[in-house]
């Protein structure tokens, strides 16, 4: 009789992760929404001098090909055309004396424009 070993489950890699600050801000924004939302949808659009910019919208429903990520109690939907550009990104919420907003720490970025509005891969 052979003894079989049970392999430990491999950790699931999430294409996008959120910091605690980002998750708290998403929950806060969702609570203020006029419509029922299931989370945030992240996309990429052509914009700025570097070519691409992040686009964040409320998500009322999951699109057919959206990648759904659950992190820290928050749902993030990634649009299909954005998936290859933001794989491995950490999203943070940062507040300082001059500004506040979501910050994308994207390992795929090769550069950003001077104002920080757009990036290229």
PDB file of N, CA and C in Angstrom:
ATOM      1  N   UNK A   1       0.848  -1.170   0.000  1.00  0.00           N
ATOM      2  CA  UNK A   1       0.000   0.000   0.000  1.00  0.00           C
ATOM      3  C   UNK A   1       0.895   1.235   0.000  1.00  0.00           C
ATOM      4  N   UNK A   2       0.723   2.079  -0.967  1.00  0.00           N
ATOM      5  CA  UNK A   2       1.559   3.262  -1.125  1.00  0.00           C
ATOM      6  C   UNK A   2       1.026   4.413  -0.272  1.00  0.00           C
ATOM      7  N   UNK A   3       1.947   5.160   0.272  1.00  0.00           N
ATOM      8  CA  UNK A   3       1.580   6.335   1.049  1.00  0.00           C
ATOM      9  C   UNK A   3       1.651   7.540   0.118  1.00  0.00           C
ATOM     10  N   UNK A   4       0.604   8.274   0.081  1.00  0.00           N
ATOM     11  CA  UNK A   4       0.602   9.480  -0.760  1.00  0.00           C
ATOM     12  C   UNK A   4       0.722  10.710   0.123  1.00  0.00           C
ATOM     13  N   UNK A   5       1.498  11.636  -0.356  1.00  0.00           N
ATOM     14  CA  UNK A   5       1.656  12.891   0.372  1.00  0.00           C
ATOM     15  C   UNK A   5       0.687  13.911  -0.201  1.00  0.00           C
ATOM     16  N   UNK A   6       0.143  14.683   0.678  1.00  0.00           N
ATOM     17  CA  UNK A   6      -0.750  15.746   0.243  1.00  0.00           C
ATOM     18  C   UNK A   6       0.074  17.024   0.151  1.00  0.00           C
ATOM     19  N   UNK A   7       0.123  17.561  -1.043  1.00  0.00           N
ATOM     20  CA  UNK A   7       0.888  18.787  -1.249  1.00  0.00           C
ATOM     21  C   UNK A   7       0.155  19.954  -0.590  1.00  0.00           C
ATOM     22  N   UNK A   8       0.920  20.835  -0.006  1.00  0.00           N
ATOM     23  CA  UNK A   8       0.333  22.034   0.578  1.00  0.00           C
ATOM     24  C   UNK A   8      -0.220  22.892  -0.545  1.00  0.00           C
ATOM     25  N   UNK A   9      -1.379  23.479  -0.335  1.00  0.00           N
ATOM     26  CA  UNK A   9      -1.936  24.314  -1.401  1.00  0.00           C
ATOM     27  C   UNK A   9      -1.021  25.509  -1.676  1.00  0.00           C
ATOM     28  N   UNK A  10      -0.858  25.781  -2.963  1.00  0.00           N
ATOM     29  CA  UNK A  10      -0.023  26.925  -3.336  1.00  0.00           C
ATOM     30  C   UNK A  10      -0.802  28.206  -3.102  1.00  0.00           C
ATOM     31  N   UNK A  11      -0.128  29.237  -2.637  1.00  0.00           N
ATOM     32  CA  UNK A  11      -0.835  30.499  -2.421  1.00  0.00           C
ATOM     33  C   UNK A  11      -1.359  31.039  -3.753  1.00  0.00           C
ATOM     34  N   UNK A  12      -2.522  31.637  -3.688  1.00  0.00           N
ATOM     35  CA  UNK A  12      -3.134  32.196  -4.892  1.00  0.00           C
ATOM     36  C   UNK A  12      -2.537  33.577  -5.140  1.00  0.00           C
ATOM     37  N   UNK A  13      -2.014  33.755  -6.339  1.00  0.00           N
ATOM     38  CA  UNK A  13      -1.453  35.058  -6.709  1.00  0.00           C
ATOM     39  C   UNK A  13      -2.581  35.945  -7.198  1.00  0.00           C
ATOM     40  N   UNK A  14      -2.668  37.142  -6.645  1.00  0.00           N
ATOM     41  CA  UNK A  14      -3.689  38.090  -7.062  1.00  0.00           C
ATOM     42  C   UNK A  14      -3.074  39.055  -8.067  1.00  0.00           C
ATOM     43  N   UNK A  15      -3.732  39.280  -9.190  1.00  0.00           N
ATOM     44  CA  UNK A  15      -3.178  40.184 -10.189  1.00  0.00           C
ATOM     45  C   UNK A  15      -3.042  41.616  -9.677  1.00  0.00           C
ATOM     46  N   UNK A  16      -3.886  42.000  -8.710  1.00  0.00           N
ATOM     47  CA  UNK A  16      -3.844  43.334  -8.113  1.00  0.00           C
ATOM     48  C   UNK A  16      -4.079  43.161  -6.626  1.00  0.00           C
ATOM     49  N   UNK A  17      -3.322  43.901  -5.819  1.00  0.00           N
ATOM     50  CA  UNK A  17      -3.542  43.898  -4.374  1.00  0.00           C
ATOM     51  C   UNK A  17      -3.793  45.325  -3.911  1.00  0.00           C
ATOM     52  N   UNK A  18      -4.430  45.438  -2.759  1.00  0.00           N
ATOM     53  CA  UNK A  18      -4.702  46.747  -2.169  1.00  0.00           C
ATOM     54  C   UNK A  18      -4.041  46.823  -0.805  1.00  0.00           C
ATOM     55  N   UNK A  19      -3.569  47.999  -0.456  1.00  0.00           N
ATOM     56  CA  UNK A  19      -3.105  48.228   0.906  1.00  0.00           C
ATOM     57  C   UNK A  19      -4.337  48.403   1.791  1.00  0.00           C
ATOM     58  N   UNK A  20      -4.146  48.373   3.085  1.00  0.00           N
ATOM     59  CA  UNK A  20      -5.267  48.602   4.010  1.00  0.00           C
ATOM     60  C   UNK A  20      -5.888  49.982   3.768  1.00  0.00           C
ATOM     61  N   UNK A  21      -5.038  50.981   3.513  1.00  0.00           N
ATOM     62  CA  UNK A  21      -5.541  52.342   3.280  1.00  0.00           C
ATOM     63  C   UNK A  21      -6.405  52.396   2.015  1.00  0.00           C
ATOM     64  N   UNK A  22      -5.986  51.714   0.965  1.00  0.00           N
ATOM     65  CA  UNK A  22      -6.753  51.705  -0.285  1.00  0.00           C
ATOM     66  C   UNK A  22      -8.079  50.977  -0.093  1.00  0.00           C
ATOM     67  N   UNK A  23      -8.060  49.843   0.590  1.00  0.00           N
ATOM     68  CA  UNK A  23      -9.293  49.096   0.826  1.00  0.00           C
ATOM     69  C   UNK A  23     -10.282  49.918   1.654  1.00  0.00           C
ATOM     70  N   UNK A  24      -9.785  50.614   2.664  1.00  0.00           N
ATOM     71  CA  UNK A  24     -10.649  51.460   3.488  1.00  0.00           C
ATOM     72  C   UNK A  24     -11.257  52.583   2.652  1.00  0.00           C
ATOM     73  N   UNK A  25     -10.463  53.178   1.772  1.00  0.00           N
ATOM     74  CA  UNK A  25     -10.969  54.260   0.920  1.00  0.00           C
ATOM     75  C   UNK A  25     -12.004  53.738  -0.072  1.00  0.00           C
ATOM     76  N   UNK A  26     -11.779  52.558  -0.633  1.00  0.00           N
ATOM     77  CA  UNK A  26     -12.753  51.972  -1.558  1.00  0.00           C
ATOM     78  C   UNK A  26     -14.079  51.732  -0.825  1.00  0.00           C
ATOM     79  N   UNK A  27     -14.019  51.179   0.379  1.00  0.00           N
ATOM     80  CA  UNK A  27     -15.250  50.955   1.147  1.00  0.00           C
ATOM     81  C   UNK A  27     -15.972  52.273   1.422  1.00  0.00           C
ATOM     82  N   UNK A  28     -15.204  53.304   1.744  1.00  0.00           N
ATOM     83  CA  UNK A  28     -15.775  54.624   2.002  1.00  0.00           C
ATOM     84  C   UNK A  28     -16.461  55.174   0.749  1.00  0.00           C
ATOM     85  N   UNK A  29     -15.803  55.058  -0.406  1.00  0.00           N
ATOM     86  CA  UNK A  29     -16.384  55.542  -1.654  1.00  0.00           C
ATOM     87  C   UNK A  29     -17.636  54.764  -2.031  1.00  0.00           C
ATOM     88  N   UNK A  30     -17.595  53.448  -1.836  1.00  0.00           N
ATOM     89  CA  UNK A  30     -18.761  52.629  -2.157  1.00  0.00           C
ATOM     90  C   UNK A  30     -19.958  53.008  -1.293  1.00  0.00           C
ATOM     91  N   UNK A  31     -19.718  53.318  -0.021  1.00  0.00           N
ATOM     92  CA  UNK A  31     -20.795  53.704   0.885  1.00  0.00           C
ATOM     93  C   UNK A  31     -21.429  55.026   0.471  1.00  0.00           C
ATOM     94  N   UNK A  32     -20.672  55.895  -0.198  1.00  0.00           N
ATOM     95  CA  UNK A  32     -21.172  57.203  -0.624  1.00  0.00           C
ATOM     96  C   UNK A  32     -21.835  57.167  -2.004  1.00  0.00           C
ATOM     97  N   UNK A  33     -21.760  56.047  -2.704  1.00  0.00           N
ATOM     98  CA  UNK A  33     -22.304  55.958  -4.053  1.00  0.00           C
ATOM     99  C   UNK A  33     -23.821  56.090  -4.048  1.00  0.00           C
ATOM    100  N   UNK A  34     -24.349  56.764  -5.067  1.00  0.00           N
ATOM    101  CA  UNK A  34     -25.790  56.922  -5.213  1.00  0.00           C
ATOM    102  C   UNK A  34     -26.461  55.628  -5.665  1.00  0.00           C
ATOM    103  N   UNK A  35     -25.696  54.759  -6.324  1.00  0.00           N
ATOM    104  CA  UNK A  35     -26.222  53.506  -6.854  1.00  0.00           C
ATOM    105  C   UNK A  35     -25.567  52.340  -6.117  1.00  0.00           C
ATOM    106  N   UNK A  36     -26.218  51.195  -6.112  1.00  0.00           N
ATOM    107  CA  UNK A  36     -25.560  50.028  -5.516  1.00  0.00           C
ATOM    108  C   UNK A  36     -24.390  49.586  -6.386  1.00  0.00           C
ATOM    109  N   UNK A  37     -23.225  49.418  -5.769  1.00  0.00           N
ATOM    110  CA  UNK A  37     -22.024  49.011  -6.505  1.00  0.00           C
ATOM    111  C   UNK A  37     -21.431  47.774  -5.845  1.00  0.00           C
ATOM    112  N   UNK A  38     -20.749  46.974  -6.663  1.00  0.00           N
ATOM    113  CA  UNK A  38     -20.130  45.754  -6.128  1.00  0.00           C
ATOM    114  C   UNK A  38     -18.639  45.941  -5.867  1.00  0.00           C
ATOM    115  N   UNK A  39     -18.076  47.048  -6.349  1.00  0.00           N
ATOM    116  CA  UNK A  39     -16.650  47.309  -6.165  1.00  0.00           C
ATOM    117  C   UNK A  39     -16.182  48.373  -7.126  1.00  0.00           C
ATOM    118  N   UNK A  40     -14.903  48.330  -7.437  1.00  0.00           N
ATOM    119  CA  UNK A  40     -14.317  49.265  -8.397  1.00  0.00           C
ATOM    120  C   UNK A  40     -13.868  48.518  -9.636  1.00  0.00           C
ATOM    121  N   UNK A  41     -13.971  49.183 -10.778  1.00  0.00           N
ATOM    122  CA  UNK A  41     -13.469  48.635 -12.045  1.00  0.00           C
ATOM    123  C   UNK A  41     -12.248  49.456 -12.438  1.00  0.00           C
ATOM    124  N   UNK A  42     -11.162  48.752 -12.733  1.00  0.00           N
ATOM    125  CA  UNK A  42      -9.927  49.408 -13.150  1.00  0.00           C
ATOM    126  C   UNK A  42      -9.702  49.108 -14.618  1.00  0.00           C
ATOM    127  N   UNK A  43      -9.423  50.169 -15.343  1.00  0.00           N
ATOM    128  CA  UNK A  43      -9.127  50.030 -16.760  1.00  0.00           C
ATOM    129  C   UNK A  43      -7.923  50.868 -17.132  1.00  0.00           C
ATOM    130  N   UNK A  44      -7.585  50.812 -18.387  1.00  0.00           N
ATOM    131  CA  UNK A  44      -6.491  51.595 -18.947  1.00  0.00           C
ATOM    132  C   UNK A  44      -7.063  52.366 -20.129  1.00  0.00           C
ATOM    133  N   UNK A  45      -6.692  53.637 -20.239  1.00  0.00           N
ATOM    134  CA  UNK A  45      -7.100  54.392 -21.417  1.00  0.00           C
ATOM    135  C   UNK A  45      -5.901  55.126 -21.985  1.00  0.00           C
ATOM    136  N   UNK A  46      -5.982  55.433 -23.254  1.00  0.00           N
ATOM    137  CA  UNK A  46      -4.919  56.177 -23.912  1.00  0.00           C
ATOM    138  C   UNK A  46      -5.051  57.635 -23.504  1.00  0.00           C
ATOM    139  N   UNK A  47      -3.962  58.169 -22.923  1.00  0.00           N
ATOM    140  CA  UNK A  47      -4.027  59.532 -22.405  1.00  0.00           C
ATOM    141  C   UNK A  47      -2.627  60.012 -22.059  1.00  0.00           C
ATOM    142  N   UNK A  48      -2.426  61.285 -22.088  1.00  0.00           N
ATOM    143  CA  UNK A  48      -1.187  61.888 -21.617  1.00  0.00           C
ATOM    144  C   UNK A  48      -0.014  61.697 -22.553  1.00  0.00           C
ATOM    145  N   UNK A  49       1.113  62.234 -22.140  1.00  0.00           N
ATOM    146  CA  UNK A  49       2.295  62.208 -23.003  1.00  0.00           C
ATOM    147  C   UNK A  49       3.027  60.873 -22.994  1.00  0.00           C
ATOM    148  N   UNK A  50       2.755  60.005 -21.996  1.00  0.00           N
ATOM    149  CA  UNK A  50       3.405  58.693 -21.979  1.00  0.00           C
ATOM    150  C   UNK A  50       2.548  57.603 -22.603  1.00  0.00           C
ATOM    151  N   UNK A  51       1.284  57.885 -22.835  1.00  0.00           N
ATOM    152  CA  UNK A  51       0.459  56.957 -23.592  1.00  0.00           C
ATOM    153  C   UNK A  51      -0.676  56.273 -22.876  1.00  0.00           C
ATOM    154  N   UNK A  52      -0.522  55.894 -21.613  1.00  0.00           N
ATOM    155  CA  UNK A  52      -1.554  55.154 -20.902  1.00  0.00           C
ATOM    156  C   UNK A  52      -1.850  55.806 -19.557  1.00  0.00           C
ATOM    157  N   UNK A  53      -3.104  55.685 -19.130  1.00  0.00           N
ATOM    158  CA  UNK A  53      -3.497  56.198 -17.821  1.00  0.00           C
ATOM    159  C   UNK A  53      -4.470  55.217 -17.181  1.00  0.00           C
ATOM    160  N   UNK A  54      -4.437  55.145 -15.867  1.00  0.00           N
ATOM    161  CA  UNK A  54      -5.362  54.292 -15.135  1.00  0.00           C
ATOM    162  C   UNK A  54      -6.735  54.953 -15.122  1.00  0.00           C
ATOM    163  N   UNK A  55      -7.771  54.142 -15.189  1.00  0.00           N
ATOM    164  CA  UNK A  55      -9.149  54.630 -15.156  1.00  0.00           C
ATOM    165  C   UNK A  55      -9.880  53.839 -14.081  1.00  0.00           C
ATOM    166  N   UNK A  56     -10.431  54.526 -13.093  1.00  0.00           N
ATOM    167  CA  UNK A  56     -11.148  53.877 -11.998  1.00  0.00           C
ATOM    168  C   UNK A  56     -12.596  54.347 -12.034  1.00  0.00           C
ATOM    169  N   UNK A  57     -13.501  53.379 -12.011  1.00  0.00           N
ATOM    170  CA  UNK A  57     -14.940  53.663 -12.022  1.00  0.00           C
ATOM    171  C   UNK A  57     -15.626  52.775 -10.992  1.00  0.00           C
ATOM    172  N   UNK A  58     -16.821  53.159 -10.577  1.00  0.00           N
ATOM    173  CA  UNK A  58     -17.649  52.257  -9.789  1.00  0.00           C
ATOM    174  C   UNK A  58     -18.050  51.078 -10.669  1.00  0.00           C
ATOM    175  N   UNK A  59     -18.133  49.907 -10.095  1.00  0.00           N
ATOM    176  CA  UNK A  59     -18.589  48.716 -10.821  1.00  0.00           C
ATOM    177  C   UNK A  59     -19.957  48.317 -10.269  1.00  0.00           C
ATOM    178  N   UNK A  60     -20.959  48.393 -11.127  1.00  0.00           N
ATOM    179  CA  UNK A  60     -22.306  47.994 -10.724  1.00  0.00           C
ATOM    180  C   UNK A  60     -22.539  46.511 -10.978  1.00  0.00           C
ATOM    181  N   UNK A  61     -21.806  45.960 -11.940  1.00  0.00           N
ATOM    182  CA  UNK A  61     -21.897  44.529 -12.231  1.00  0.00           C
ATOM    183  C   UNK A  61     -20.603  44.079 -12.881  1.00  0.00           C
ATOM    184  N   UNK A  62     -20.373  42.775 -12.854  1.00  0.00           N
ATOM    185  CA  UNK A  62     -19.162  42.210 -13.449  1.00  0.00           C
ATOM    186  C   UNK A  62     -19.365  42.041 -14.942  1.00  0.00           C
ATOM    187  N   UNK A  63     -18.422  42.556 -15.725  1.00  0.00           N
ATOM    188  CA  UNK A  63     -18.445  42.357 -17.164  1.00  0.00           C
ATOM    189  C   UNK A  63     -18.070  40.926 -17.506  1.00  0.00           C
ATOM    190  N   UNK A  64     -18.465  40.478 -18.672  1.00  0.00           N
ATOM    191  CA  UNK A  64     -18.262  39.094 -19.089  1.00  0.00           C
ATOM    192  C   UNK A  64     -16.806  38.643 -18.962  1.00  0.00           C
ATOM    193  N   UNK A  65     -15.852  39.508 -19.336  1.00  0.00           N
ATOM    194  CA  UNK A  65     -14.446  39.120 -19.334  1.00  0.00           C
ATOM    195  C   UNK A  65     -13.617  39.837 -18.266  1.00  0.00           C
ATOM    196  N   UNK A  66     -14.270  40.536 -17.341  1.00  0.00           N
ATOM    197  CA  UNK A  66     -13.548  41.195 -16.248  1.00  0.00           C
ATOM    198  C   UNK A  66     -12.886  40.155 -15.355  1.00  0.00           C
ATOM    199  N   UNK A  67     -11.690  40.468 -14.895  1.00  0.00           N
ATOM    200  CA  UNK A  67     -11.003  39.639 -13.901  1.00  0.00           C
ATOM    201  C   UNK A  67     -11.436  40.162 -12.536  1.00  0.00           C
ATOM    202  N   UNK A  68     -12.028  39.325 -11.700  1.00  0.00           N
ATOM    203  CA  UNK A  68     -12.485  39.736 -10.372  1.00  0.00           C
ATOM    204  C   UNK A  68     -11.426  39.386  -9.336  1.00  0.00           C
ATOM    205  N   UNK A  69     -11.061  40.359  -8.524  1.00  0.00           N
ATOM    206  CA  UNK A  69     -10.081  40.174  -7.458  1.00  0.00           C
ATOM    207  C   UNK A  69     -10.724  40.605  -6.152  1.00  0.00           C
ATOM    208  N   UNK A  70     -10.661  39.734  -5.161  1.00  0.00           N
ATOM    209  CA  UNK A  70     -11.136  40.055  -3.812  1.00  0.00           C
ATOM    210  C   UNK A  70      -9.904  40.250  -2.942  1.00  0.00           C
ATOM    211  N   UNK A  71      -9.806  41.416  -2.314  1.00  0.00           N
ATOM    212  CA  UNK A  71      -8.675  41.679  -1.431  1.00  0.00           C
ATOM    213  C   UNK A  71      -9.122  42.571  -0.285  1.00  0.00           C
ATOM    214  N   UNK A  72      -8.895  42.123   0.914  1.00  0.00           N
ATOM    215  CA  UNK A  72      -9.217  42.879   2.127  1.00  0.00           C
ATOM    216  C   UNK A  72     -10.684  43.305   2.160  1.00  0.00           C
ATOM    217  N   UNK A  73     -11.561  42.405   1.696  1.00  0.00           N
ATOM    218  CA  UNK A  73     -12.993  42.667   1.733  1.00  0.00           C
ATOM    219  C   UNK A  73     -13.498  43.581   0.631  1.00  0.00           C
ATOM    220  N   UNK A  74     -12.687  43.831  -0.382  1.00  0.00           N
ATOM    221  CA  UNK A  74     -13.062  44.728  -1.473  1.00  0.00           C
ATOM    222  C   UNK A  74     -12.962  43.963  -2.790  1.00  0.00           C
ATOM    223  N   UNK A  75     -13.913  44.225  -3.682  1.00  0.00           N
ATOM    224  CA  UNK A  75     -13.875  43.632  -5.018  1.00  0.00           C
ATOM    225  C   UNK A  75     -13.315  44.643  -6.008  1.00  0.00           C
ATOM    226  N   UNK A  76     -12.320  44.202  -6.755  1.00  0.00           N
ATOM    227  CA  UNK A  76     -11.746  45.008  -7.838  1.00  0.00           C
ATOM    228  C   UNK A  76     -11.937  44.213  -9.120  1.00  0.00           C
ATOM    229  N   UNK A  77     -12.546  44.846 -10.101  1.00  0.00           N
ATOM    230  CA  UNK A  77     -12.726  44.230 -11.411  1.00  0.00           C
ATOM    231  C   UNK A  77     -11.729  44.865 -12.367  1.00  0.00           C
ATOM    232  N   UNK A  78     -11.031  44.033 -13.111  1.00  0.00           N
ATOM    233  CA  UNK A  78     -10.023  44.527 -14.047  1.00  0.00           C
ATOM    234  C   UNK A  78     -10.546  44.299 -15.459  1.00  0.00           C
ATOM    235  N   UNK A  79     -10.655  45.379 -16.213  1.00  0.00           N
ATOM    236  CA  UNK A  79     -11.122  45.271 -17.592  1.00  0.00           C
ATOM    237  C   UNK A  79     -10.155  44.415 -18.404  1.00  0.00           C
ATOM    238  N   UNK A  80     -10.655  43.668 -19.376  1.00  0.00           N
ATOM    239  CA  UNK A  80      -9.799  42.765 -20.149  1.00  0.00           C
ATOM    240  C   UNK A  80      -8.584  43.427 -20.787  1.00  0.00           C
ATOM    241  N   UNK A  81      -8.747  44.595 -21.393  1.00  0.00           N
ATOM    242  CA  UNK A  81      -7.601  45.205 -22.073  1.00  0.00           C
ATOM    243  C   UNK A  81      -6.567  45.774 -21.103  1.00  0.00           C
ATOM    244  N   UNK A  82      -6.929  45.878 -19.822  1.00  0.00           N
ATOM    245  CA  UNK A  82      -5.990  46.392 -18.817  1.00  0.00           C
ATOM    246  C   UNK A  82      -5.211  45.285 -18.126  1.00  0.00           C
ATOM    247  N   UNK A  83      -5.690  44.053 -18.222  1.00  0.00           N
ATOM    248  CA  UNK A  83      -5.118  42.964 -17.431  1.00  0.00           C
ATOM    249  C   UNK A  83      -3.619  42.785 -17.643  1.00  0.00           C
ATOM    250  N   UNK A  84      -3.157  42.803 -18.870  1.00  0.00           N
ATOM    251  CA  UNK A  84      -1.725  42.562 -19.097  1.00  0.00           C
ATOM    252  C   UNK A  84      -0.858  43.741 -18.673  1.00  0.00           C
ATOM    253  N   UNK A  85      -1.450  44.930 -18.548  1.00  0.00           N
ATOM    254  CA  UNK A  85      -0.677  46.108 -18.177  1.00  0.00           C
ATOM    255  C   UNK A  85      -0.538  46.291 -16.674  1.00  0.00           C
ATOM    256  N   UNK A  86      -1.473  45.749 -15.892  1.00  0.00           N
ATOM    257  CA  UNK A  86      -1.434  46.021 -14.453  1.00  0.00           C
ATOM    258  C   UNK A  86      -1.200  44.783 -13.604  1.00  0.00           C
ATOM    259  N   UNK A  87      -0.849  43.679 -14.214  1.00  0.00           N
ATOM    260  CA  UNK A  87      -0.587  42.438 -13.487  1.00  0.00           C
ATOM    261  C   UNK A  87       0.522  42.671 -12.461  1.00  0.00           C
ATOM    262  N   UNK A  88       0.253  42.379 -11.200  1.00  0.00           N
ATOM    263  CA  UNK A  88       1.246  42.549 -10.133  1.00  0.00           C
ATOM    264  C   UNK A  88       1.213  43.898  -9.439  1.00  0.00           C
ATOM    265  N   UNK A  89       0.238  44.737  -9.770  1.00  0.00           N
ATOM    266  CA  UNK A  89       0.172  46.094  -9.229  1.00  0.00           C
ATOM    267  C   UNK A  89      -0.383  46.123  -7.807  1.00  0.00           C
ATOM    268  N   UNK A  90       0.223  46.962  -6.978  1.00  0.00           N
ATOM    269  CA  UNK A  90      -0.313  47.258  -5.653  1.00  0.00           C
ATOM    270  C   UNK A  90      -0.958  48.632  -5.709  1.00  0.00           C
ATOM    271  N   UNK A  91      -2.190  48.717  -5.212  1.00  0.00           N
ATOM    272  CA  UNK A  91      -2.905  49.991  -5.188  1.00  0.00           C
ATOM    273  C   UNK A  91      -2.920  50.494  -3.753  1.00  0.00           C
ATOM    274  N   UNK A  92      -2.527  51.738  -3.582  1.00  0.00           N
ATOM    275  CA  UNK A  92      -2.476  52.356  -2.259  1.00  0.00           C
ATOM    276  C   UNK A  92      -3.311  53.631  -2.289  1.00  0.00           C
ATOM    277  N   UNK A  93      -3.719  54.100  -1.130  1.00  0.00           N
ATOM    278  CA  UNK A  93      -4.370  55.395  -0.979  1.00  0.00           C
ATOM    279  C   UNK A  93      -3.421  56.253  -0.167  1.00  0.00           C
ATOM    280  N   UNK A  94      -3.027  57.394  -0.728  1.00  0.00           N
ATOM    281  CA  UNK A  94      -2.038  58.249  -0.079  1.00  0.00           C
ATOM    282  C   UNK A  94      -2.623  59.645   0.094  1.00  0.00           C
ATOM    283  N   UNK A  95      -2.459  60.197   1.289  1.00  0.00           N
ATOM    284  CA  UNK A  95      -2.875  61.568   1.570  1.00  0.00           C
ATOM    285  C   UNK A  95      -1.681  62.323   2.133  1.00  0.00           C
ATOM    286  N   UNK A  96      -1.431  63.519   1.585  1.00  0.00           N
ATOM    287  CA  UNK A  96      -0.406  64.390   2.151  1.00  0.00           C
ATOM    288  C   UNK A  96      -0.931  65.813   2.147  1.00  0.00           C
ATOM    289  N   UNK A  97      -0.080  66.770   2.435  1.00  0.00           N
ATOM    290  CA  UNK A  97      -0.524  68.159   2.560  1.00  0.00           C
ATOM    291  C   UNK A  97      -1.049  68.736   1.250  1.00  0.00           C
ATOM    292  N   UNK A  98      -0.547  68.274   0.114  1.00  0.00           N
ATOM    293  CA  UNK A  98      -0.904  68.868  -1.168  1.00  0.00           C
ATOM    294  C   UNK A  98      -1.933  68.088  -1.975  1.00  0.00           C
ATOM    295  N   UNK A  99      -2.028  66.779  -1.744  1.00  0.00           N
ATOM    296  CA  UNK A  99      -2.940  65.990  -2.567  1.00  0.00           C
ATOM    297  C   UNK A  99      -3.295  64.679  -1.891  1.00  0.00           C
ATOM    298  N   UNK A 100      -4.327  64.051  -2.422  1.00  0.00           N
ATOM    299  CA  UNK A 100      -4.684  62.708  -1.984  1.00  0.00           C
ATOM    300  C   UNK A 100      -5.168  61.943  -3.198  1.00  0.00           C
ATOM    301  N   UNK A 101      -4.948  60.644  -3.197  1.00  0.00           N
ATOM    302  CA  UNK A 101      -5.406  59.841  -4.315  1.00  0.00           C
ATOM    303  C   UNK A 101      -4.846  58.436  -4.289  1.00  0.00           C
ATOM    304  N   UNK A 102      -5.349  57.630  -5.219  1.00  0.00           N
ATOM    305  CA  UNK A 102      -4.847  56.278  -5.364  1.00  0.00           C
ATOM    306  C   UNK A 102      -3.489  56.319  -6.052  1.00  0.00           C
ATOM    307  N   UNK A 103      -2.577  55.507  -5.561  1.00  0.00           N
ATOM    308  CA  UNK A 103      -1.245  55.387  -6.132  1.00  0.00           C
ATOM    309  C   UNK A 103      -1.089  53.947  -6.610  1.00  0.00           C
ATOM    310  N   UNK A 104      -0.663  53.799  -7.858  1.00  0.00           N
ATOM    311  CA  UNK A 104      -0.458  52.481  -8.441  1.00  0.00           C
ATOM    312  C   UNK A 104       1.030  52.170  -8.452  1.00  0.00           C
ATOM    313  N   UNK A 105       1.419  51.122  -7.758  1.00  0.00           N
ATOM    314  CA  UNK A 105       2.813  50.661  -7.778  1.00  0.00           C
ATOM    315  C   UNK A 105       2.852  49.466  -8.733  1.00  0.00           C
ATOM    316  N   UNK A 106       3.149  49.776  -9.981  1.00  0.00           N
ATOM    317  CA  UNK A 106       3.040  48.809 -11.067  1.00  0.00           C
ATOM    318  C   UNK A 106       4.427  48.369 -11.517  1.00  0.00           C
ATOM    319  N   UNK A 107       4.778  47.101 -11.328  1.00  0.00           N
ATOM    320  CA  UNK A 107       6.108  46.630 -11.729  1.00  0.00           C
ATOM    321  C   UNK A 107       6.303  46.597 -13.251  1.00  0.00           C
ATOM    322  N   UNK A 108       5.225  46.755 -14.006  1.00  0.00           N
ATOM    323  CA  UNK A 108       5.305  46.724 -15.469  1.00  0.00           C
ATOM    324  C   UNK A 108       5.634  48.082 -16.082  1.00  0.00           C
ATOM    325  N   UNK A 109       5.499  49.138 -15.291  1.00  0.00           N
ATOM    326  CA  UNK A 109       5.772  50.471 -15.817  1.00  0.00           C
ATOM    327  C   UNK A 109       7.251  50.625 -16.149  1.00  0.00           C
ATOM    328  N   UNK A 110       7.504  51.190 -17.304  1.00  0.00           N
ATOM    329  CA  UNK A 110       8.881  51.493 -17.715  1.00  0.00           C
ATOM    330  C   UNK A 110       9.190  52.975 -17.563  1.00  0.00           C
ATOM    331  N   UNK A 111       8.147  53.789 -17.396  1.00  0.00           N
ATOM    332  CA  UNK A 111       8.346  55.216 -17.208  1.00  0.00           C
ATOM    333  C   UNK A 111       7.020  55.929 -17.064  1.00  0.00           C
ATOM    334  N   UNK A 112       7.109  57.168 -16.551  1.00  0.00           N
ATOM    335  CA  UNK A 112       5.938  58.033 -16.370  1.00  0.00           C
ATOM    336  C   UNK A 112       6.234  59.402 -16.954  1.00  0.00           C
ATOM    337  N   UNK A 113       5.173  60.112 -17.253  1.00  0.00           N
ATOM    338  CA  UNK A 113       5.370  61.487 -17.722  1.00  0.00           C
ATOM    339  C   UNK A 113       5.719  62.361 -16.509  1.00  0.00           C
ATOM    340  N   UNK A 114       6.166  63.561 -16.765  1.00  0.00           N
ATOM    341  CA  UNK A 114       6.598  64.462 -15.693  1.00  0.00           C
ATOM    342  C   UNK A 114       5.538  64.783 -14.681  1.00  0.00           C
ATOM    343  N   UNK A 115       4.281  64.895 -15.104  1.00  0.00           N
ATOM    344  CA  UNK A 115       3.213  65.234 -14.174  1.00  0.00           C
ATOM    345  C   UNK A 115       2.661  64.013 -13.461  1.00  0.00           C
ATOM    346  N   UNK A 116       3.045  62.816 -13.904  1.00  0.00           N
ATOM    347  CA  UNK A 116       2.596  61.593 -13.263  1.00  0.00           C
ATOM    348  C   UNK A 116       1.224  61.114 -13.693  1.00  0.00           C
ATOM    349  N   UNK A 117       0.632  61.773 -14.680  1.00  0.00           N
ATOM    350  CA  UNK A 117      -0.720  61.410 -15.123  1.00  0.00           C
ATOM    351  C   UNK A 117      -0.745  60.163 -15.985  1.00  0.00           C
ATOM    352  N   UNK A 118       0.318  59.910 -16.727  1.00  0.00           N
ATOM    353  CA  UNK A 118       0.323  58.759 -17.624  1.00  0.00           C
ATOM    354  C   UNK A 118       1.622  57.975 -17.495  1.00  0.00           C
ATOM    355  N   UNK A 119       1.602  56.762 -18.060  1.00  0.00           N
ATOM    356  CA  UNK A 119       2.762  55.876 -17.973  1.00  0.00           C
ATOM    357  C   UNK A 119       2.876  55.075 -19.252  1.00  0.00           C
ATOM    358  N   UNK A 120       4.015  54.386 -19.406  1.00  0.00           N
ATOM    359  CA  UNK A 120       4.170  53.443 -20.522  1.00  0.00           C
ATOM    360  C   UNK A 120       4.819  52.173 -20.012  1.00  0.00           C
ATOM    361  N   UNK A 121       4.568  51.089 -20.752  1.00  0.00           N
ATOM    362  CA  UNK A 121       5.118  49.774 -20.389  1.00  0.00           C
ATOM    363  C   UNK A 121       6.053  49.287 -21.450  1.00  0.00           C
TER     364      UNK A 121
END
